[in-house]
Amino acid sequence: MSVRYLWWRSCYDGVLHAFPMAAGSRLAHQHYRASCTHAAPPDLAGDAADGPRCQLCLLIISTQSS
């Protein structure tokens, strides 16, 4: 099963974090856990690609096998 990552800006720290979303999963949780284990509620600023990205999320994603 492939996992896609949604880059969402956390309303807690203003940084874009990589949130793994399995294929077919629905956005219905109260909190989502990013790759770096940073948690954030679903009322995030969106998936805009601009802004600083979490360096730990980038490191974790690049070391995972596809």
N, C-alpha and C. Protein backbone atom coordinates (compact mmCIF):
# COMPACT_ATOMS: atom_id res chain seq x y z
N MET A 1 0.83 -1.17 0.00
CA MET A 1 0.00 0.00 0.00
C MET A 1 0.89 1.25 0.00
N SER A 2 0.59 2.17 -0.86
CA SER A 2 1.39 3.39 -0.92
C SER A 2 0.81 4.45 0.02
N VAL A 3 1.69 5.25 0.54
CA VAL A 3 1.29 6.32 1.44
C VAL A 3 1.64 7.64 0.78
N ARG A 4 0.69 8.54 0.74
CA ARG A 4 0.98 9.87 0.22
C ARG A 4 1.09 10.82 1.41
N TYR A 5 1.79 11.89 1.20
CA TYR A 5 2.00 12.86 2.27
C TYR A 5 1.35 14.18 1.90
N LEU A 6 0.60 14.71 2.82
CA LEU A 6 -0.01 16.02 2.65
C LEU A 6 0.76 17.01 3.51
N TRP A 7 1.24 18.07 2.89
CA TRP A 7 1.97 19.08 3.63
C TRP A 7 0.98 20.11 4.14
N TRP A 8 0.75 20.10 5.43
CA TRP A 8 -0.18 21.03 6.06
C TRP A 8 0.56 21.92 7.02
N ARG A 9 0.14 23.16 7.07
CA ARG A 9 0.70 24.11 8.02
C ARG A 9 0.02 23.90 9.36
N SER A 10 0.81 23.62 10.37
CA SER A 10 0.27 23.44 11.71
C SER A 10 -0.11 24.80 12.28
N CYS A 11 -1.27 24.87 12.87
CA CYS A 11 -1.69 26.13 13.48
C CYS A 11 -0.95 26.36 14.80
N TYR A 12 -0.20 25.36 15.25
CA TYR A 12 0.57 25.51 16.49
C TYR A 12 1.91 26.20 16.28
N ASP A 13 2.64 25.79 15.23
CA ASP A 13 3.98 26.35 15.05
C ASP A 13 4.18 27.07 13.71
N GLY A 14 3.16 27.09 12.84
CA GLY A 14 3.25 27.80 11.58
C GLY A 14 4.15 27.15 10.54
N VAL A 15 4.57 25.92 10.78
CA VAL A 15 5.48 25.20 9.89
C VAL A 15 4.68 24.14 9.13
N LEU A 16 5.07 23.88 7.87
CA LEU A 16 4.45 22.82 7.09
C LEU A 16 5.01 21.48 7.55
N HIS A 17 4.14 20.57 7.92
CA HIS A 17 4.53 19.23 8.34
C HIS A 17 3.97 18.22 7.35
N ALA A 18 4.64 17.08 7.22
CA ALA A 18 4.20 16.01 6.32
C ALA A 18 3.29 15.08 7.09
N PHE A 19 2.03 15.07 6.71
CA PHE A 19 1.05 14.20 7.34
C PHE A 19 0.78 13.02 6.41
N PRO A 20 1.12 11.80 6.83
CA PRO A 20 0.90 10.64 5.97
C PRO A 20 -0.58 10.30 5.90
N MET A 21 -1.05 10.08 4.69
CA MET A 21 -2.44 9.70 4.47
C MET A 21 -2.46 8.45 3.61
N ALA A 22 -2.93 7.36 4.16
CA ALA A 22 -3.03 6.11 3.41
C ALA A 22 -4.11 6.26 2.34
N ALA A 23 -3.93 5.56 1.25
CA ALA A 23 -4.91 5.62 0.16
C ALA A 23 -6.28 5.21 0.68
N GLY A 24 -7.29 5.97 0.34
CA GLY A 24 -8.66 5.67 0.76
C GLY A 24 -9.02 6.14 2.15
N SER A 25 -8.08 6.73 2.89
CA SER A 25 -8.40 7.20 4.23
C SER A 25 -9.17 8.51 4.15
N ARG A 26 -9.99 8.75 5.15
CA ARG A 26 -10.80 9.95 5.17
C ARG A 26 -10.31 10.88 6.27
N LEU A 27 -10.53 12.16 6.06
CA LEU A 27 -10.12 13.17 7.04
C LEU A 27 -11.23 13.34 8.07
N ALA A 28 -11.18 12.56 9.14
CA ALA A 28 -12.25 12.59 10.12
C ALA A 28 -11.74 12.53 11.56
N HIS A 29 -10.46 12.73 11.77
CA HIS A 29 -9.91 12.65 13.11
C HIS A 29 -9.92 14.01 13.79
N GLN A 30 -9.81 14.02 15.12
CA GLN A 30 -9.70 15.28 15.84
C GLN A 30 -8.28 15.83 15.78
N HIS A 31 -7.31 14.94 15.72
CA HIS A 31 -5.91 15.34 15.59
C HIS A 31 -5.22 14.41 14.62
N TYR A 32 -4.29 14.95 13.85
CA TYR A 32 -3.50 14.16 12.92
C TYR A 32 -2.06 14.20 13.36
N ARG A 33 -1.36 13.08 13.15
CA ARG A 33 0.03 12.98 13.56
C ARG A 33 0.93 13.04 12.33
N ALA A 34 1.85 14.00 12.34
CA ALA A 34 2.79 14.16 11.23
C ALA A 34 3.88 13.11 11.31
N SER A 35 4.70 13.03 10.27
CA SER A 35 5.80 12.07 10.24
C SER A 35 6.75 12.26 11.42
N CYS A 36 6.92 13.50 11.85
CA CYS A 36 7.83 13.79 12.96
C CYS A 36 7.13 13.65 14.31
N THR A 37 5.92 13.13 14.31
CA THR A 37 5.05 12.92 15.48
C THR A 37 4.46 14.22 16.02
N HIS A 38 4.65 15.33 15.33
CA HIS A 38 3.97 16.57 15.68
C HIS A 38 2.48 16.34 15.42
N ALA A 39 1.63 16.69 16.34
CA ALA A 39 0.20 16.50 16.16
C ALA A 39 -0.48 17.85 15.94
N ALA A 40 -1.54 17.84 15.14
CA ALA A 40 -2.25 19.07 14.85
C ALA A 40 -3.72 18.75 14.59
N PRO A 41 -4.60 19.68 14.93
CA PRO A 41 -6.02 19.49 14.67
C PRO A 41 -6.31 19.69 13.18
N PRO A 42 -7.47 19.25 12.72
CA PRO A 42 -7.78 19.34 11.29
C PRO A 42 -8.00 20.75 10.76
N ASP A 43 -8.16 21.74 11.61
CA ASP A 43 -8.38 23.11 11.11
C ASP A 43 -7.05 23.78 10.81
N LEU A 44 -6.33 23.19 9.87
CA LEU A 44 -5.02 23.69 9.48
C LEU A 44 -5.19 24.69 8.35
N ALA A 45 -4.14 25.40 8.04
CA ALA A 45 -4.21 26.46 7.02
C ALA A 45 -4.32 25.90 5.61
N GLY A 46 -4.12 24.63 5.41
CA GLY A 46 -4.25 24.05 4.09
C GLY A 46 -2.96 23.49 3.57
N ASP A 47 -3.00 23.05 2.33
CA ASP A 47 -1.85 22.36 1.75
C ASP A 47 -1.03 23.24 0.82
N ALA A 48 -1.03 24.54 1.07
CA ALA A 48 -0.22 25.44 0.25
C ALA A 48 1.25 25.03 0.34
N ALA A 49 1.92 25.07 -0.77
CA ALA A 49 3.31 24.60 -0.81
C ALA A 49 4.31 25.65 -0.35
N ASP A 50 3.86 26.84 -0.05
CA ASP A 50 4.79 27.89 0.35
C ASP A 50 4.99 27.91 1.85
N GLY A 51 6.14 28.38 2.26
CA GLY A 51 6.44 28.47 3.68
C GLY A 51 7.46 27.44 4.11
N PRO A 52 7.95 27.59 5.32
CA PRO A 52 8.98 26.67 5.82
C PRO A 52 8.41 25.28 6.07
N ARG A 53 9.21 24.28 5.71
CA ARG A 53 8.81 22.89 5.95
C ARG A 53 9.62 22.32 7.10
N CYS A 54 9.01 21.42 7.83
CA CYS A 54 9.65 20.78 8.96
C CYS A 54 10.84 19.96 8.45
N GLN A 55 12.02 20.27 8.95
CA GLN A 55 13.23 19.57 8.52
C GLN A 55 13.21 18.11 8.93
N LEU A 56 12.65 17.80 10.08
CA LEU A 56 12.59 16.41 10.53
C LEU A 56 11.65 15.59 9.64
N CYS A 57 10.51 16.17 9.26
CA CYS A 57 9.60 15.48 8.34
C CYS A 57 10.30 15.20 7.01
N LEU A 58 11.02 16.20 6.49
CA LEU A 58 11.75 16.01 5.23
C LEU A 58 12.77 14.90 5.35
N LEU A 59 13.46 14.84 6.45
CA LEU A 59 14.47 13.80 6.67
C LEU A 59 13.82 12.43 6.75
N ILE A 60 12.73 12.32 7.46
CA ILE A 60 12.04 11.03 7.63
C ILE A 60 11.51 10.53 6.30
N ILE A 61 10.89 11.41 5.53
CA ILE A 61 10.31 11.00 4.25
C ILE A 61 11.39 10.56 3.27
N SER A 62 12.51 11.29 3.24
CA SER A 62 13.55 10.94 2.27
C SER A 62 14.26 9.64 2.62
N THR A 63 14.19 9.21 3.86
CA THR A 63 14.85 7.96 4.24
C THR A 63 13.92 6.75 4.16
N GLN A 64 12.62 6.99 3.91
CA GLN A 64 11.69 5.87 3.79
C GLN A 64 11.78 5.27 2.40
N SER A 65 11.63 3.96 2.33
CA SER A 65 11.66 3.31 1.02
C SER A 65 10.30 3.48 0.35
N SER A 66 10.30 3.57 -0.96
CA SER A 66 9.06 3.77 -1.70
C SER A 66 8.40 2.46 -2.01
